[in-house]
PDB file of N, CA and C in Angstrom:
ATOM      1  N   MET A   1     106.355  39.547-126.647  1.00  0.00           N
ATOM      2  CA  MET A   1     107.765  39.265-126.451  1.00  0.00           C
ATOM      3  C   MET A   1     108.468  39.348-127.796  1.00  0.00           C
ATOM      4  N   ALA A   2     109.577  40.009-127.766  1.00  0.00           N
ATOM      5  CA  ALA A   2     110.306  40.228-129.001  1.00  0.00           C
ATOM      6  C   ALA A   2     111.235  39.067-129.341  1.00  0.00           C
ATOM      7  N   SER A   3     111.571  38.242-128.366  1.00  0.00           N
ATOM      8  CA  SER A   3     112.516  37.164-128.627  1.00  0.00           C
ATOM      9  C   SER A   3     111.807  35.927-129.169  1.00  0.00           C
ATOM     10  N   ARG A   4     112.550  35.145-129.901  1.00  0.00           N
ATOM     11  CA  ARG A   4     112.029  33.892-130.445  1.00  0.00           C
ATOM     12  C   ARG A   4     111.695  32.930-129.301  1.00  0.00           C
ATOM     13  N   PHE A   5     112.532  32.905-128.281  1.00  0.00           N
ATOM     14  CA  PHE A   5     112.279  32.047-127.126  1.00  0.00           C
ATOM     15  C   PHE A   5     110.960  32.424-126.449  1.00  0.00           C
ATOM     16  N   GLY A   6     110.719  33.713-126.285  1.00  0.00           N
ATOM     17  CA  GLY A   6     109.474  34.181-125.695  1.00  0.00           C
ATOM     18  C   GLY A   6     108.260  33.779-126.515  1.00  0.00           C
ATOM     19  N   SER A   7     108.398  33.835-127.818  1.00  0.00           N
ATOM     20  CA  SER A   7     107.306  33.414-128.690  1.00  0.00           C
ATOM     21  C   SER A   7     107.010  31.932-128.525  1.00  0.00           C
ATOM     22  N   HIS A   8     108.048  31.129-128.406  1.00  0.00           N
ATOM     23  CA  HIS A   8     107.847  29.695-128.195  1.00  0.00           C
ATOM     24  C   HIS A   8     107.194  29.422-126.843  1.00  0.00           C
ATOM     25  N   LEU A   9     107.598  30.169-125.833  1.00  0.00           N
ATOM     26  CA  LEU A   9     106.973  30.008-124.522  1.00  0.00           C
ATOM     27  C   LEU A   9     105.474  30.290-124.593  1.00  0.00           C
ATOM     28  N   LYS A  10     105.116  31.347-125.294  1.00  0.00           N
ATOM     29  CA  LYS A  10     103.694  31.672-125.433  1.00  0.00           C
ATOM     30  C   LYS A  10     102.936  30.522-126.088  1.00  0.00           C
ATOM     31  N   VAL A  11     103.509  29.938-127.110  1.00  0.00           N
ATOM     32  CA  VAL A  11     102.828  28.840-127.811  1.00  0.00           C
ATOM     33  C   VAL A  11     102.700  27.628-126.898  1.00  0.00           C
ATOM     34  N   TRP A  12     103.791  27.209-126.279  1.00  0.00           N
ATOM     35  CA  TRP A  12     103.765  25.969-125.505  1.00  0.00           C
ATOM     36  C   TRP A  12     102.992  26.094-124.208  1.00  0.00           C
ATOM     37  N   PHE A  13     103.032  27.229-123.563  1.00  0.00           N
ATOM     38  CA  PHE A  13     102.385  27.354-122.261  1.00  0.00           C
ATOM     39  C   PHE A  13     100.989  27.970-122.302  1.00  0.00           C
ATOM     40  N   LEU A  14     100.623  28.607-123.396  1.00  0.00           N
ATOM     41  CA  LEU A  14      99.297  29.215-123.483  1.00  0.00           C
ATOM     42  C   LEU A  14      98.430  28.580-124.557  1.00  0.00           C
ATOM     43  N   LEU A  15      98.927  28.542-125.770  1.00  0.00           N
ATOM     44  CA  LEU A  15      98.106  28.081-126.881  1.00  0.00           C
ATOM     45  C   LEU A  15      97.876  26.569-126.869  1.00  0.00           C
ATOM     46  N   VAL A  16      98.904  25.780-126.627  1.00  0.00           N
ATOM     47  CA  VAL A  16      98.764  24.327-126.685  1.00  0.00           C
ATOM     48  C   VAL A  16      97.766  23.789-125.649  1.00  0.00           C
ATOM     49  N   PRO A  17      97.810  24.205-124.383  1.00  0.00           N
ATOM     50  CA  PRO A  17      96.792  23.709-123.445  1.00  0.00           C
ATOM     51  C   PRO A  17      95.373  24.111-123.840  1.00  0.00           C
ATOM     52  N   VAL A  18      95.203  25.316-124.337  1.00  0.00           N
ATOM     53  CA  VAL A  18      93.869  25.755-124.759  1.00  0.00           C
ATOM     54  C   VAL A  18      93.390  24.919-125.940  1.00  0.00           C
ATOM     55  N   LEU A  19      94.259  24.680-126.885  1.00  0.00           N
ATOM     56  CA  LEU A  19      93.887  23.852-128.026  1.00  0.00           C
ATOM     57  C   LEU A  19      93.558  22.427-127.599  1.00  0.00           C
ATOM     58  N   SER A  20      94.316  21.883-126.657  1.00  0.00           N
ATOM     59  CA  SER A  20      94.033  20.518-126.217  1.00  0.00           C
ATOM     60  C   SER A  20      92.679  20.427-125.523  1.00  0.00           C
ATOM     61  N   ILE A  21      92.313  21.450-124.779  1.00  0.00           N
ATOM     62  CA  ILE A  21      91.001  21.463-124.130  1.00  0.00           C
ATOM     63  C   ILE A  21      89.901  21.531-125.181  1.00  0.00           C
ATOM     64  N   ALA A  22      90.128  22.271-126.245  1.00  0.00           N
ATOM     65  CA  ALA A  22      89.114  22.429-127.288  1.00  0.00           C
ATOM     66  C   ALA A  22      89.041  21.217-128.214  1.00  0.00           C
ATOM     67  N   VAL A  23      90.172  20.601-128.499  1.00  0.00           N
ATOM     68  CA  VAL A  23      90.212  19.536-129.492  1.00  0.00           C
ATOM     69  C   VAL A  23      89.978  18.152-128.894  1.00  0.00           C
ATOM     70  N   MET A  24      90.528  17.873-127.727  1.00  0.00           N
ATOM     71  CA  MET A  24      90.450  16.519-127.172  1.00  0.00           C
ATOM     72  C   MET A  24      89.025  15.999-126.995  1.00  0.00           C
ATOM     73  N   PRO A  25      88.074  16.797-126.494  1.00  0.00           N
ATOM     74  CA  PRO A  25      86.713  16.261-126.369  1.00  0.00           C
ATOM     75  C   PRO A  25      86.052  15.953-127.709  1.00  0.00           C
ATOM     76  N   ALA A  26      86.518  16.544-128.784  1.00  0.00           N
ATOM     77  CA  ALA A  26      85.908  16.325-130.093  1.00  0.00           C
ATOM     78  C   ALA A  26      86.422  15.062-130.773  1.00  0.00           C
ATOM     79  N   ILE A  27      87.456  14.447-130.233  1.00  0.00           N
ATOM     80  CA  ILE A  27      88.012  13.235-130.824  1.00  0.00           C
ATOM     81  C   ILE A  27      87.268  12.036-130.248  1.00  0.00           C
ATOM     82  N   PRO A  28      86.479  11.360-131.087  1.00  0.00           N
ATOM     83  CA  PRO A  28      85.649  10.270-130.572  1.00  0.00           C
ATOM     84  C   PRO A  28      86.419   8.995-130.252  1.00  0.00           C
ATOM     85  N   GLU A  29      87.588   8.819-130.794  1.00  0.00           N
ATOM     86  CA  GLU A  29      88.360   7.597-130.618  1.00  0.00           C
ATOM     87  C   GLU A  29      89.014   7.575-129.239  1.00  0.00           C
ATOM     88  N   ARG A  30      88.409   6.885-128.299  1.00  0.00           N
ATOM     89  CA  ARG A  30      88.892   6.870-126.919  1.00  0.00           C
ATOM     90  C   ARG A  30      90.271   6.224-126.787  1.00  0.00           C
ATOM     91  N   SER A  31      90.595   5.317-127.686  1.00  0.00           N
ATOM     92  CA  SER A  31      91.885   4.630-127.600  1.00  0.00           C
ATOM     93  C   SER A  31      93.061   5.587-127.787  1.00  0.00           C
ATOM     94  N   LEU A  32      92.824   6.764-128.370  1.00  0.00           N
ATOM     95  CA  LEU A  32      93.899   7.743-128.529  1.00  0.00           C
ATOM     96  C   LEU A  32      94.346   8.321-127.194  1.00  0.00           C
ATOM     97  N   PHE A  33      93.530   8.166-126.149  1.00  0.00           N
ATOM     98  CA  PHE A  33      93.854   8.688-124.827  1.00  0.00           C
ATOM     99  C   PHE A  33      94.365   7.600-123.888  1.00  0.00           C
ATOM    100  N   GLU A  34      94.536   6.394-124.399  1.00  0.00           N
ATOM    101  CA  GLU A  34      94.974   5.278-123.570  1.00  0.00           C
ATOM    102  C   GLU A  34      96.433   4.946-123.856  1.00  0.00           C
ATOM    103  N   VAL A  35      97.090   4.390-122.861  1.00  0.00           N
ATOM    104  CA  VAL A  35      98.488   3.981-123.020  1.00  0.00           C
ATOM    105  C   VAL A  35      98.505   2.679-123.816  1.00  0.00           C
ATOM    106  N   PRO A  36      99.292   2.625-124.897  1.00  0.00           N
ATOM    107  CA  PRO A  36      99.337   1.409-125.715  1.00  0.00           C
ATOM    108  C   PRO A  36      99.813   0.196-124.911  1.00  0.00           C
ATOM    109  N   GLU A  37      99.307  -0.947-125.277  1.00  0.00           N
ATOM    110  CA  GLU A  37      99.640  -2.217-124.612  1.00  0.00           C
ATOM    111  C   GLU A  37     101.149  -2.473-124.624  1.00  0.00           C
ATOM    112  N   ALA A  38     101.808  -2.187-125.749  1.00  0.00           N
ATOM    113  CA  ALA A  38     103.253  -2.425-125.862  1.00  0.00           C
ATOM    114  C   ALA A  38     104.032  -1.567-124.873  1.00  0.00           C
ATOM    115  N   GLU A  39     103.583  -0.343-124.655  1.00  0.00           N
ATOM    116  CA  GLU A  39     104.264   0.535-123.707  1.00  0.00           C
ATOM    117  C   GLU A  39     104.095   0.025-122.276  1.00  0.00           C
ATOM    118  N   THR A  40     102.914  -0.472-121.965  1.00  0.00           N
ATOM    119  CA  THR A  40     102.666  -1.044-120.642  1.00  0.00           C
ATOM    120  C   THR A  40     103.572  -2.241-120.390  1.00  0.00           C
ATOM    121  N   HIS A  41     103.663  -3.136-121.378  1.00  0.00           N
ATOM    122  CA  HIS A  41     104.522  -4.322-121.227  1.00  0.00           C
ATOM    123  C   HIS A  41     105.994  -3.934-121.103  1.00  0.00           C
ATOM    124  N   SER A  42     106.405  -2.904-121.836  1.00  0.00           N
ATOM    125  CA  SER A  42     107.784  -2.442-121.773  1.00  0.00           C
ATOM    126  C   SER A  42     108.110  -1.904-120.380  1.00  0.00           C
ATOM    127  N   LEU A  43     107.185  -1.143-119.806  1.00  0.00           N
ATOM    128  CA  LEU A  43     107.406  -0.602-118.467  1.00  0.00           C
ATOM    129  C   LEU A  43     107.499  -1.732-117.436  1.00  0.00           C
ATOM    130  N   ILE A  44     106.593  -2.686-117.533  1.00  0.00           N
ATOM    131  CA  ILE A  44     106.607  -3.806-116.588  1.00  0.00           C
ATOM    132  C   ILE A  44     107.895  -4.613-116.721  1.00  0.00           C
ATOM    133  N   ALA A  45     108.350  -4.793-117.948  1.00  0.00           N
ATOM    134  CA  ALA A  45     109.601  -5.528-118.160  1.00  0.00           C
ATOM    135  C   ALA A  45     110.789  -4.764-117.584  1.00  0.00           C
ATOM    136  N   SER A  46     110.728  -3.434-117.610  1.00  0.00           N
ATOM    137  CA  SER A  46     111.842  -2.616-117.123  1.00  0.00           C
ATOM    138  C   SER A  46     111.896  -2.519-115.607  1.00  0.00           C
ATOM    139  N   VAL A  47     110.747  -2.246-114.970  1.00  0.00           N
ATOM    140  CA  VAL A  47     110.759  -1.983-113.529  1.00  0.00           C
ATOM    141  C   VAL A  47     110.017  -3.024-112.698  1.00  0.00           C
ATOM    142  N   GLY A  48     109.267  -3.885-113.349  1.00  0.00           N
ATOM    143  CA  GLY A  48     108.517  -4.906-112.617  1.00  0.00           C
ATOM    144  C   GLY A  48     107.079  -4.466-112.356  1.00  0.00           C
ATOM    145  N   GLN A  49     106.214  -5.442-112.184  1.00  0.00           N
ATOM    146  CA  GLN A  49     104.786  -5.188-112.001  1.00  0.00           C
ATOM    147  C   GLN A  49     104.490  -4.375-110.744  1.00  0.00           C
ATOM    148  N   GLN A  50     105.160  -4.706-109.650  1.00  0.00           N
ATOM    149  CA  GLN A  50     104.886  -4.027-108.377  1.00  0.00           C
ATOM    150  C   GLN A  50     105.228  -2.533-108.450  1.00  0.00           C
ATOM    151  N   ARG A  51     106.394  -2.199-109.001  1.00  0.00           N
ATOM    152  CA  ARG A  51     106.773  -0.785-109.105  1.00  0.00           C
ATOM    153  C   ARG A  51     105.899  -0.035-110.095  1.00  0.00           C
ATOM    154  N   ALA A  52     105.497  -0.700-111.182  1.00  0.00           N
ATOM    155  CA  ALA A  52     104.604  -0.058-112.159  1.00  0.00           C
ATOM    156  C   ALA A  52     103.248   0.228-111.525  1.00  0.00           C
ATOM    157  N   ASP A  53     102.714  -0.731-110.782  1.00  0.00           N
ATOM    158  CA  ASP A  53     101.435  -0.523-110.099  1.00  0.00           C
ATOM    159  C   ASP A  53     101.523   0.612-109.082  1.00  0.00           C
ATOM    160  N   GLU A  54     102.636   0.674-108.372  1.00  0.00           N
ATOM    161  CA  GLU A  54     102.824   1.741-107.381  1.00  0.00           C
ATOM    162  C   GLU A  54     102.903   3.111-108.045  1.00  0.00           C
ATOM    163  N   ALA A  55     103.573   3.193-109.194  1.00  0.00           N
ATOM    164  CA  ALA A  55     103.658   4.461-109.923  1.00  0.00           C
ATOM    165  C   ALA A  55     102.274   4.921-110.383  1.00  0.00           C
ATOM    166  N   VAL A  56     101.466   3.996-110.878  1.00  0.00           N
ATOM    167  CA  VAL A  56     100.107   4.338-111.308  1.00  0.00           C
ATOM    168  C   VAL A  56      99.273   4.783-110.111  1.00  0.00           C
ATOM    169  N   ARG A  57      99.401   4.082-109.000  1.00  0.00           N
ATOM    170  CA  ARG A  57      98.645   4.444-107.805  1.00  0.00           C
ATOM    171  C   ARG A  57      99.028   5.835-107.320  1.00  0.00           C
ATOM    172  N   GLN A  58     100.325   6.131-107.299  1.00  0.00           N
ATOM    173  CA  GLN A  58     100.783   7.446-106.852  1.00  0.00           C
ATOM    174  C   GLN A  58     100.332   8.558-107.801  1.00  0.00           C
ATOM    175  N   ALA A  59     100.362   8.301-109.109  1.00  0.00           N
ATOM    176  CA  ALA A  59      99.916   9.311-110.076  1.00  0.00           C
ATOM    177  C   ALA A  59      98.422   9.588-109.912  1.00  0.00           C
ATOM    178  N   ASN A  60      97.631   8.537-109.756  1.00  0.00           N
ATOM    179  CA  ASN A  60      96.192   8.714-109.552  1.00  0.00           C
ATOM    180  C   ASN A  60      95.907   9.458-108.256  1.00  0.00           C
ATOM    181  N   GLU A  61      96.651   9.132-107.226  1.00  0.00           N
ATOM    182  CA  GLU A  61      96.472   9.786-105.925  1.00  0.00           C
ATOM    183  C   GLU A  61      96.842  11.275-106.006  1.00  0.00           C
ATOM    184  N   ALA A  62      97.927  11.576-106.706  1.00  0.00           N
ATOM    185  CA  ALA A  62      98.348  12.977-106.854  1.00  0.00           C
ATOM    186  C   ALA A  62      97.310  13.776-107.638  1.00  0.00           C
ATOM    187  N   PHE A  63      96.774  13.203-108.705  1.00  0.00           N
ATOM    188  CA  PHE A  63      95.744  13.884-109.490  1.00  0.00           C
ATOM    189  C   PHE A  63      94.490  14.105-108.652  1.00  0.00           C
ATOM    190  N   ARG A  64      94.064  13.067-107.967  1.00  0.00           N
ATOM    191  CA  ARG A  64      92.851  13.165-107.148  1.00  0.00           C
ATOM    192  C   ARG A  64      93.029  14.224-106.051  1.00  0.00           C
ATOM    193  N   HIS A  65      94.205  14.253-105.432  1.00  0.00           N
ATOM    194  CA  HIS A  65      94.474  15.226-104.370  1.00  0.00           C
ATOM    195  C   HIS A  65      94.511  16.656-104.925  1.00  0.00           C
ATOM    196  N   ALA A  66      95.142  16.835-106.087  1.00  0.00           N
ATOM    197  CA  ALA A  66      95.322  18.177-106.645  1.00  0.00           C
ATOM    198  C   ALA A  66      94.063  18.750-107.285  1.00  0.00           C
ATOM    199  N   PHE A  67      93.200  17.887-107.833  1.00  0.00           N
ATOM    200  CA  PHE A  67      92.070  18.408-108.600  1.00  0.00           C
ATOM    201  C   PHE A  67      90.691  17.966-108.118  1.00  0.00           C
ATOM    202  N   VAL A  68      90.590  16.796-107.522  1.00  0.00           N
ATOM    203  CA  VAL A  68      89.266  16.260-107.186  1.00  0.00           C
ATOM    204  C   VAL A  68      88.897  16.521-105.734  1.00  0.00           C
ATOM    205  N   ASP A  69      89.767  16.123-104.824  1.00  0.00           N
ATOM    206  CA  ASP A  69      89.446  16.222-103.392  1.00  0.00           C
ATOM    207  C   ASP A  69      89.178  17.654-102.939  1.00  0.00           C
ATOM    208  N   ASN A  70      89.862  18.614-103.519  1.00  0.00           N
ATOM    209  CA  ASN A  70      89.662  20.001-103.112  1.00  0.00           C
ATOM    210  C   ASN A  70      88.502  20.669-103.853  1.00  0.00           C
ATOM    211  N   GLY A  71      87.845  19.956-104.752  1.00  0.00           N
ATOM    212  CA  GLY A  71      86.670  20.470-105.446  1.00  0.00           C
ATOM    213  C   GLY A  71      86.975  21.307-106.675  1.00  0.00           C
ATOM    214  N   LEU A  72      88.240  21.439-107.042  1.00  0.00           N
ATOM    215  CA  LEU A  72      88.604  22.263-108.194  1.00  0.00           C
ATOM    216  C   LEU A  72      87.967  21.748-109.482  1.00  0.00           C
ATOM    217  N   LEU A  73      87.979  20.456-109.665  1.00  0.00           N
ATOM    218  CA  LEU A  73      87.416  19.875-110.881  1.00  0.00           C
ATOM    219  C   LEU A  73      85.921  20.128-110.986  1.00  0.00           C
ATOM    220  N   SER A  74      85.193  19.875-109.915  1.00  0.00           N
ATOM    221  CA  SER A  74      83.739  20.089-109.968  1.00  0.00           C
ATOM    222  C   SER A  74      83.407  21.574-110.094  1.00  0.00           C
ATOM    223  N   ARG A  75      84.172  22.446-109.443  1.00  0.00           N
ATOM    224  CA  ARG A  75      83.926  23.888-109.579  1.00  0.00           C
ATOM    225  C   ARG A  75      84.177  24.360-111.005  1.00  0.00           C
ATOM    226  N   THR A  76      85.198  23.814-111.640  1.00  0.00           N
ATOM    227  CA  THR A  76      85.493  24.188-113.023  1.00  0.00           C
ATOM    228  C   THR A  76      84.367  23.756-113.947  1.00  0.00           C
ATOM    229  N   LEU A  77      83.888  22.531-113.771  1.00  0.00           N
ATOM    230  CA  LEU A  77      82.780  22.060-114.604  1.00  0.00           C
ATOM    231  C   LEU A  77      81.508  22.850-114.332  1.00  0.00           C
ATOM    232  N   ASN A  78      81.240  23.142-113.082  1.00  0.00           N
ATOM    233  CA  ASN A  78      80.041  23.912-112.745  1.00  0.00           C
ATOM    234  C   ASN A  78      80.133  25.349-113.245  1.00  0.00           C
ATOM    235  N   ALA A  79      81.340  25.904-113.280  1.00  0.00           N
ATOM    236  CA  ALA A  79      81.516  27.283-113.737  1.00  0.00           C
ATOM    237  C   ALA A  79      81.214  27.428-115.217  1.00  0.00           C
ATOM    238  N   SER A  80      81.350  26.338-115.960  1.00  0.00           N
ATOM    239  CA  SER A  80      81.032  26.423-117.383  1.00  0.00           C
ATOM    240  C   SER A  80      79.532  26.552-117.595  1.00  0.00           C
ATOM    241  N   GLY A  81      78.755  26.212-116.566  1.00  0.00           N
ATOM    242  CA  GLY A  81      77.309  26.451-116.581  1.00  0.00           C
ATOM    243  C   GLY A  81      76.587  25.792-117.723  1.00  0.00           C
ATOM    244  N   SER A  82      75.457  26.363-118.074  1.00  0.00           N
ATOM    245  CA  SER A  82      74.638  25.860-119.159  1.00  0.00           C
ATOM    246  C   SER A  82      75.263  26.272-120.483  1.00  0.00           C
ATOM    247  N   VAL A  83      75.519  25.301-121.318  1.00  0.00           N
ATOM    248  CA  VAL A  83      76.150  25.592-122.597  1.00  0.00           C
ATOM    249  C   VAL A  83      75.142  25.562-123.739  1.00  0.00           C
ATOM    250  N   GLY A  84      73.875  25.349-123.432  1.00  0.00           N
ATOM    251  CA  GLY A  84      72.864  25.229-124.467  1.00  0.00           C
ATOM    252  C   GLY A  84      72.600  26.507-125.228  1.00  0.00           C
ATOM    253  N   GLY A  85      72.945  27.662-124.688  1.00  0.00           N
ATOM    254  CA  GLY A  85      72.656  28.925-125.338  1.00  0.00           C
ATOM    255  C   GLY A  85      73.631  29.306-126.429  1.00  0.00           C
ATOM    256  N   LEU A  86      74.744  28.597-126.528  1.00  0.00           N
ATOM    257  CA  LEU A  86      75.735  28.934-127.551  1.00  0.00           C
ATOM    258  C   LEU A  86      75.294  28.403-128.906  1.00  0.00           C
ATOM    259  N   ASN A  87      75.479  29.211-129.933  1.00  0.00           N
ATOM    260  CA  ASN A  87      75.104  28.813-131.274  1.00  0.00           C
ATOM    261  C   ASN A  87      76.355  28.316-132.001  1.00  0.00           C
ATOM    262  N   ASP A  88      76.751  27.102-131.701  1.00  0.00           N
ATOM    263  CA  ASP A  88      77.958  26.539-132.308  1.00  0.00           C
ATOM    264  C   ASP A  88      77.705  25.155-132.877  1.00  0.00           C
ATOM    265  N   GLY A  89      76.479  24.880-133.218  1.00  0.00           N
ATOM    266  CA  GLY A  89      76.150  23.590-133.814  1.00  0.00           C
ATOM    267  C   GLY A  89      76.177  22.443-132.824  1.00  0.00           C
ATOM    268  N   GLY A  90      76.120  22.734-131.552  1.00  0.00           N
ATOM    269  CA  GLY A  90      76.109  21.680-130.536  1.00  0.00           C
ATOM    270  C   GLY A  90      77.469  21.247-130.046  1.00  0.00           C
ATOM    271  N   PHE A  91      78.538  21.855-130.539  1.00  0.00           N
ATOM    272  CA  PHE A  91      79.880  21.432-130.145  1.00  0.00           C
ATOM    273  C   PHE A  91      80.118  21.631-128.656  1.00  0.00           C
ATOM    274  N   SER A  92      79.722  22.778-128.109  1.00  0.00           N
ATOM    275  CA  SER A  92      79.986  23.050-126.698  1.00  0.00           C
ATOM    276  C   SER A  92      79.199  22.087-125.805  1.00  0.00           C
ATOM    277  N   THR A  93      77.979  21.759-126.185  1.00  0.00           N
ATOM    278  CA  THR A  93      77.195  20.798-125.402  1.00  0.00           C
ATOM    279  C   THR A  93      77.857  19.434-125.445  1.00  0.00           C
ATOM    280  N   PHE A  94      78.311  19.024-126.637  1.00  0.00           N
ATOM    281  CA  PHE A  94      79.004  17.750-126.787  1.00  0.00           C
ATOM    282  C   PHE A  94      80.258  17.707-125.924  1.00  0.00           C
ATOM    283  N   ALA A  95      81.068  18.770-125.969  1.00  0.00           N
ATOM    284  CA  ALA A  95      82.311  18.805-125.207  1.00  0.00           C
ATOM    285  C   ALA A  95      82.041  18.767-123.705  1.00  0.00           C
ATOM    286  N   HIS A  96      81.038  19.505-123.260  1.00  0.00           N
ATOM    287  CA  HIS A  96      80.700  19.540-121.836  1.00  0.00           C
ATOM    288  C   HIS A  96      80.239  18.159-121.357  1.00  0.00           C
ATOM    289  N   THR A  97      79.358  17.523-122.126  1.00  0.00           N
ATOM    290  CA  THR A  97      78.858  16.192-121.764  1.00  0.00           C
ATOM    291  C   THR A  97      79.985  15.172-121.802  1.00  0.00           C
ATOM    292  N   TRP A  98      80.827  15.239-122.829  1.00  0.00           N
ATOM    293  CA  TRP A  98      81.923  14.293-122.965  1.00  0.00           C
ATOM    294  C   TRP A  98      82.868  14.400-121.765  1.00  0.00           C
ATOM    295  N   THR A  99      83.180  15.625-121.348  1.00  0.00           N
ATOM    296  CA  THR A  99      84.086  15.832-120.215  1.00  0.00           C
ATOM    297  C   THR A  99      83.504  15.242-118.942  1.00  0.00           C
ATOM    298  N   ARG A 100      82.237  15.476-118.683  1.00  0.00           N
ATOM    299  CA  ARG A 100      81.596  14.917-117.482  1.00  0.00           C
ATOM    300  C   ARG A 100      81.618  13.393-117.500  1.00  0.00           C
ATOM    301  N   LYS A 101      81.290  12.786-118.640  1.00  0.00           N
ATOM    302  CA  LYS A 101      81.282  11.320-118.738  1.00  0.00           C
ATOM    303  C   LYS A 101      82.686  10.744-118.622  1.00  0.00           C
ATOM    304  N   PHE A 102      83.664  11.416-119.234  1.00  0.00           N
ATOM    305  CA  PHE A 102      85.047  10.964-119.157  1.00  0.00           C
ATOM    306  C   PHE A 102      85.537  10.958-117.724  1.00  0.00           C
ATOM    307  N   LEU A 103      85.254  12.039-117.002  1.00  0.00           N
ATOM    308  CA  LEU A 103      85.691  12.133-115.612  1.00  0.00           C
ATOM    309  C   LEU A 103      84.947  11.141-114.728  1.00  0.00           C
ATOM    310  N   ALA A 104      83.671  10.930-114.985  1.00  0.00           N
ATOM    311  CA  ALA A 104      82.903   9.975-114.197  1.00  0.00           C
ATOM    312  C   ALA A 104      83.444   8.557-114.374  1.00  0.00           C
ATOM    313  N   ALA A 105      83.891   8.248-115.578  1.00  0.00           N
ATOM    314  CA  ALA A 105      84.436   6.911-115.849  1.00  0.00           C
ATOM    315  C   ALA A 105      85.808   6.726-115.209  1.00  0.00           C
ATOM    316  N   ARG A 106      86.560   7.806-115.084  1.00  0.00           N
ATOM    317  CA  ARG A 106      87.926   7.723-114.565  1.00  0.00           C
ATOM    318  C   ARG A 106      87.994   7.775-113.042  1.00  0.00           C
ATOM    319  N   LEU A 107      87.054   8.435-112.400  1.00  0.00           N
ATOM    320  CA  LEU A 107      87.176   8.673-110.965  1.00  0.00           C
ATOM    321  C   LEU A 107      86.294   7.799-110.184  1.00  0.00           C
TER     322      LEU A 107
END
């Protein structure tokens, strides 16, 4: 794309998701993926506990329906197959194992 806008679209819609998939499993600090306590309290103060709980329930349900119930998540993980053959110092094995454990803890 010759336009500056097109270049930005390529970065935000193609490069950033790929980078997040590659970088996020390598970050050992799990708290970086959690919502801060202050933000949770702010939301509850704004909309109330019942509405906040309902929003979380609906978000979890939408994710589960879109990616888990239809088997997309498990097919994606299975499609990555055996990662032991890659010569990358163990990074791909670490990322694959981390993703499986992360999803098992969340679902």
